[in-house]
Protein backbone atom coordinates (compact mmCIF):
# COMPACT_ATOMS: atom_id res chain seq x y z
CA MET A 1 11.82 -1.03 7.31
CA ASN A 2 11.42 -4.74 8.01
CA LEU A 3 11.20 -4.25 11.76
CA PHE A 4 9.24 -7.28 12.94
CA ARG A 5 6.79 -6.92 15.78
CA LYS A 6 3.60 -8.30 17.18
CA ILE A 7 0.72 -5.87 17.10
CA PHE A 8 -2.41 -5.63 19.23
CA GLY A 9 -3.84 -8.68 21.01
CA LEU A 10 -4.54 -12.32 20.18
CA GLY A 11 -5.90 -13.31 16.79
CA PRO A 12 -7.32 -16.35 15.01
CA LYS A 13 -5.37 -18.55 12.62
CA GLU A 14 -7.65 -18.42 9.59
CA PRO A 15 -7.08 -16.13 6.61
CA ALA A 16 -9.77 -13.50 6.10
CA ASN A 17 -11.51 -12.30 2.97
CA ILE A 18 -10.60 -8.62 2.65
CA ARG A 19 -12.06 -7.70 -0.75
CA PRO A 20 -15.54 -6.57 0.41
CA ARG A 21 -16.07 -2.92 1.35
CA LYS A 22 -18.85 -0.70 2.68
CA THR A 23 -20.04 -3.24 5.21
CA THR A 24 -20.04 -3.36 8.98
CA THR A 25 -18.35 -6.78 8.84
CA PRO A 26 -15.76 -6.39 6.05
CA ILE A 27 -13.62 -9.35 7.11
CA LYS A 28 -14.92 -12.87 6.58
CA THR A 29 -12.95 -15.72 8.12
CA ILE A 30 -12.65 -18.97 6.23
CA GLU A 31 -11.33 -22.36 7.24
CA ASN A 32 -8.88 -24.86 5.76
CA VAL A 33 -7.20 -22.43 3.36
CA ASP A 34 -3.71 -23.24 4.61
CA ALA A 35 -3.76 -26.68 2.99
CA SER A 36 -4.34 -25.26 -0.48
CA MET A 37 -2.14 -22.18 -0.13
CA SER A 38 0.60 -21.86 -2.73
CA TYR A 39 3.46 -19.44 -2.25
CA GLU A 40 3.04 -18.53 -5.91
CA ASP A 41 -0.29 -16.94 -4.95
CA ILE A 42 1.10 -14.72 -2.17
CA LEU A 43 1.35 -10.95 -2.63
CA PRO A 44 2.37 -8.19 -0.20
CA VAL A 45 0.01 -5.38 0.74
CA LEU A 46 0.58 -2.09 2.50
CA VAL A 47 -1.88 -1.15 5.21
CA SER A 48 -2.13 1.55 7.84
CA VAL A 49 -2.36 0.31 11.42
CA LYS A 50 -5.57 2.39 11.55
CA THR A 51 -7.14 0.00 9.04
CA LYS A 52 -10.72 -1.14 9.50
CA GLU A 53 -10.46 -3.64 6.66
CA TYR A 54 -7.83 -5.95 8.14
CA ASP A 55 -7.80 -7.80 11.42
CA LEU A 56 -4.29 -7.12 12.72
CA VAL A 57 -4.83 -8.75 16.10
CA ASN A 58 -1.57 -10.31 17.32
CA GLU A 59 -0.12 -10.31 13.81
CA ILE A 60 3.58 -10.40 12.98
CA ALA A 61 4.24 -7.51 10.63
CA ALA A 62 7.16 -5.69 9.06
CA THR A 63 7.09 -1.93 9.45
CA PHE A 64 7.21 -0.17 6.10
CA HIS A 65 7.10 3.39 7.44
CA GLU A 66 7.03 4.95 10.88
CA ARG A 67 8.22 8.14 12.49
CA GLU A 68 7.74 10.07 15.69
CA ASN A 69 4.38 11.86 15.98
CA ASN A 70 2.94 10.47 12.76
CA TYR A 71 -0.75 9.66 12.59
CA ALA A 72 -0.33 5.99 11.71
CA ASN A 73 2.49 3.60 10.90
CA VAL A 74 2.35 1.66 7.64
CA ILE A 75 2.99 -2.08 7.78
CA ILE A 76 3.35 -4.92 5.28
CA ALA A 77 0.74 -7.67 5.40
CA HIS A 78 0.21 -10.48 2.89
CA VAL A 79 -2.73 -11.85 0.98
CA MET A 80 -3.42 -15.02 -0.94
CA VAL A 81 -4.92 -14.58 -4.40
CA ASP A 82 -7.46 -17.34 -4.96
CA ARG A 83 -7.92 -17.42 -8.73
CA LYS A 84 -10.28 -20.40 -8.46
CA ASP A 85 -12.76 -18.39 -6.39
CA LEU A 86 -14.10 -15.39 -8.30
CA ASP A 87 -16.30 -12.65 -6.90
CA ARG A 88 -19.37 -11.17 -8.62
CA ASP A 89 -17.15 -8.95 -10.79
CA GLY A 90 -15.06 -11.91 -11.96
CA GLU A 91 -12.07 -10.88 -9.85
CA PRO A 92 -10.14 -13.44 -7.78
CA GLU A 93 -10.91 -13.46 -4.09
CA LEU A 94 -8.20 -12.16 -1.77
CA TYR A 95 -7.58 -13.59 1.68
CA HIS A 96 -5.55 -11.97 4.43
CA ILE A 97 -3.03 -14.53 5.67
CA LYS A 98 -3.23 -14.53 9.45
CA ASN A 99 0.14 -15.24 11.05
CA GLY A 100 -0.34 -14.51 14.74
CA HIS A 101 0.15 -18.21 15.49
CA GLU A 102 3.39 -18.41 13.47
CA ASN A 103 6.99 -17.28 14.03
CA GLU A 104 9.12 -14.73 12.19
CA ASP A 105 10.54 -17.39 9.84
CA PHE A 106 7.06 -17.93 8.45
CA TYR A 107 6.65 -14.20 7.92
CA ILE A 108 10.05 -13.93 6.20
CA THR A 109 9.02 -16.76 3.84
CA LEU A 110 5.83 -14.84 3.01
CA GLU A 111 7.83 -11.67 2.46
CA GLU A 112 10.40 -13.25 0.15
CA ASN A 113 7.81 -15.03 -1.98
CA GLY A 114 5.42 -12.09 -2.00
CA GLN A 115 8.07 -9.66 -3.19
CA ARG A 116 9.21 -12.01 -5.94
CA ASN A 117 5.63 -12.50 -7.11
CA PHE A 118 4.86 -8.78 -7.05
CA ASP A 119 7.86 -7.88 -9.18
CA ASP A 120 6.16 -9.89 -11.93
CA PHE A 121 2.70 -8.47 -11.18
CA GLU A 122 1.52 -6.26 -14.03
CA ILE A 123 0.06 -2.92 -12.96
CA PRO A 124 1.13 -0.46 -15.66
CA PHE A 125 2.04 3.14 -14.95
CA GLU A 126 0.22 5.78 -16.97
CA PHE A 127 0.43 9.55 -17.11
CA TRP A 128 -2.14 11.10 -14.79
CA ASN A 129 -4.22 14.12 -15.71
CA PRO A 130 -7.17 14.83 -13.40
CA THR A 131 -8.79 17.55 -15.51
CA ASP A 132 -9.33 18.53 -19.12
CA LYS A 133 -6.46 20.97 -18.70
CA LYS A 134 -3.13 19.22 -19.14
CA LEU A 135 -0.79 19.34 -16.15
CA ALA A 136 2.28 21.50 -16.57
CA TYR A 137 4.46 18.70 -15.24
CA LYS A 138 4.39 14.91 -15.52
CA VAL A 139 2.75 12.72 -12.89
CA LEU A 140 2.61 8.94 -13.16
CA SER A 141 -0.16 6.91 -11.62
CA SER A 142 -1.93 3.59 -12.10
CA ARG A 143 -5.60 2.85 -12.42
CA VAL A 144 -7.22 2.51 -9.03
CA SER A 145 -6.70 -1.10 -8.03
CA PHE A 146 -6.10 -3.20 -4.97
CA PHE A 147 -2.32 -3.42 -5.47
CA ALA A 148 -1.51 -0.01 -7.02
CA SER A 149 0.05 1.47 -3.86
CA GLU A 150 2.32 -1.56 -3.49
CA LYS A 151 4.32 -0.57 -6.58
CA ILE A 152 6.45 1.57 -4.25
CA MET A 153 7.82 -1.63 -2.68
CA SER A 154 9.11 -3.00 -5.97
CA LYS A 155 12.48 -1.82 -7.23
CA LYS A 156 11.54 -3.16 -10.65
CA HIS A 157 8.38 -1.04 -10.78
CA MET A 158 10.12 2.06 -9.45
CA LEU A 159 12.95 1.74 -11.99
CA GLU A 160 10.21 1.76 -14.63
CA ALA A 161 9.01 5.08 -13.19
CA HIS A 162 12.54 6.53 -13.27
CA LYS A 163 12.84 5.57 -16.93
CA THR A 164 9.41 6.86 -17.93
CA LEU A 165 9.93 10.22 -16.22
CA ASN A 166 13.65 10.37 -17.09
CA ALA A 167 14.25 11.30 -13.47
CA LYS A 168 17.04 10.38 -11.07
CA LYS A 169 14.97 11.09 -7.96
CA LEU A 170 11.24 10.59 -7.50
CA LEU A 171 8.54 11.84 -5.18
CA VAL A 172 6.04 9.06 -4.47
CA SER A 173 2.67 9.57 -2.82
CA ILE A 174 0.55 6.66 -1.57
CA PRO A 175 -2.16 8.62 0.27
CA ARG A 176 -4.87 5.97 0.18
CA LYS A 177 -5.01 2.24 -0.45
CA GLY A 178 -5.16 1.58 -4.18
CA LEU A 179 -3.57 4.87 -5.23
CA ILE A 180 -0.06 5.94 -6.22
CA PHE A 181 1.29 9.20 -7.66
CA VAL A 182 4.87 9.69 -8.84
CA CYS A 183 6.74 12.73 -10.16
CA ASP A 184 10.29 13.92 -10.70
CA LYS A 185 11.68 15.36 -7.46
CA ASN A 186 13.56 18.04 -9.37
CA ILE A 187 10.61 20.06 -10.61
CA GLU A 188 9.80 23.75 -10.36
CA GLU A 189 8.62 25.02 -6.97
CA GLU A 190 5.14 25.73 -8.30
CA HIS A 191 4.76 22.13 -9.47
CA TYR A 192 6.34 20.80 -6.30
CA ASN A 193 3.73 22.67 -4.24
CA HIS A 194 0.96 21.40 -6.50
CA PHE A 195 2.06 17.80 -5.96
CA LEU A 196 2.15 18.27 -2.18
CA ASN A 197 -1.25 19.96 -2.19
CA MET A 198 -2.72 17.19 -4.31
CA HIS A 199 -1.32 14.59 -1.90
CA ALA A 200 -2.76 16.47 1.09
CA TYR A 201 -6.17 16.77 -0.56
CA VAL A 202 -6.39 13.03 -1.22
CA VAL A 203 -5.20 12.18 2.30
CA LEU A 204 -7.90 14.34 3.89
CA GLN A 205 -10.64 13.50 1.40
CA GLU A 206 -13.44 11.38 2.84
CA ASN A 207 -13.51 8.18 0.83
CA GLU A 208 -15.28 5.05 2.05
CA ASP A 209 -13.91 2.92 -0.77
CA LEU A 210 -10.22 3.75 -0.34
CA GLU A 211 -8.80 3.55 3.15
CA PHE A 212 -6.22 6.04 4.40
CA LEU A 213 -2.66 4.78 3.92
CA CYS A 214 0.15 7.31 4.48
CA GLU A 215 0.37 11.05 5.16
CA ASP A 216 4.07 11.31 4.24
CA ILE A 217 5.72 11.38 0.79
CA PHE A 218 8.62 9.13 -0.15
CA ILE A 219 11.86 10.02 -1.95
CA VAL A 220 13.00 7.25 -4.28
CA GLU A 221 16.40 6.96 -5.94
CA ASN A 222 17.68 4.06 -8.05
CA GLY A 223 14.33 2.35 -7.48
CA GLU A 224 14.65 2.36 -3.69
CA ILE A 225 13.28 4.56 -0.91
CA LYS A 226 16.02 6.86 0.34
CA GLY A 227 14.00 9.20 2.55
CA THR A 228 10.66 10.83 3.27
CA LEU A 229 9.03 14.21 3.33
CA ASN A 230 7.40 14.19 6.74
CA VAL A 231 4.17 16.17 6.54
CA GLN A 232 3.51 16.87 10.20
CA GLN A 233 0.67 19.26 9.38
CA LEU A 234 -1.27 16.34 7.91
CA SER A 235 -0.48 14.16 10.92
CA ASP A 236 -1.83 16.82 13.25
CA LYS A 237 -4.95 17.36 11.14
CA LEU A 238 -5.69 13.64 10.92
CA SER A 239 -5.32 13.27 14.67
CA GLU A 240 -7.65 16.20 15.16
CA ILE A 241 -10.47 14.94 12.94
CA ASN A 242 -10.27 11.22 13.77
């Protein structure tokens, strides 16, 4: 966690528009954004290093999750929310803040401001039920949205999950960008296996709209990540098919 490193080669300075999907050129570079950038508009995002949506060339990034023999590390990038520039759906444009030309102090400033802003970012949890038949155990999720997966980074948001589920320890799945699933760690084996199978299904599911994020499952206690369930079978399968 928070291991800074440069990744890949040499990248441009300009932020990049990362909202568009289903296009061969998903990243649009824009100029002169730095002058109007406010730290109040900065939010953190989780992204797999396998991403096709972000240009990670020569970026400084903090590692959110890595382990030996995993398919892809997860890193923390940052975006600027431009509320003055709305897309066709009326949503604010999002721009990836390129930092390859900066030093670690700049990244730390982004991280501190982004985390503070995200703690106040409203993405409500709701009970998840994928079928007409009610689940035999409780799973929290959020509507599919750009920042749903990032809730795992916020102690404030995770404490909300603890309270809602009345659980001391949580299992948290962030299989694809824009998704999050949370349940009590201390559930019956049948339900535990169901949660893991659901996670695996979403990880392996072909989905052009939601990029792959993480094959492992996180263990959260007191609102903070305390460990992971390393799912090597998924790592091996992802490496095999990609």
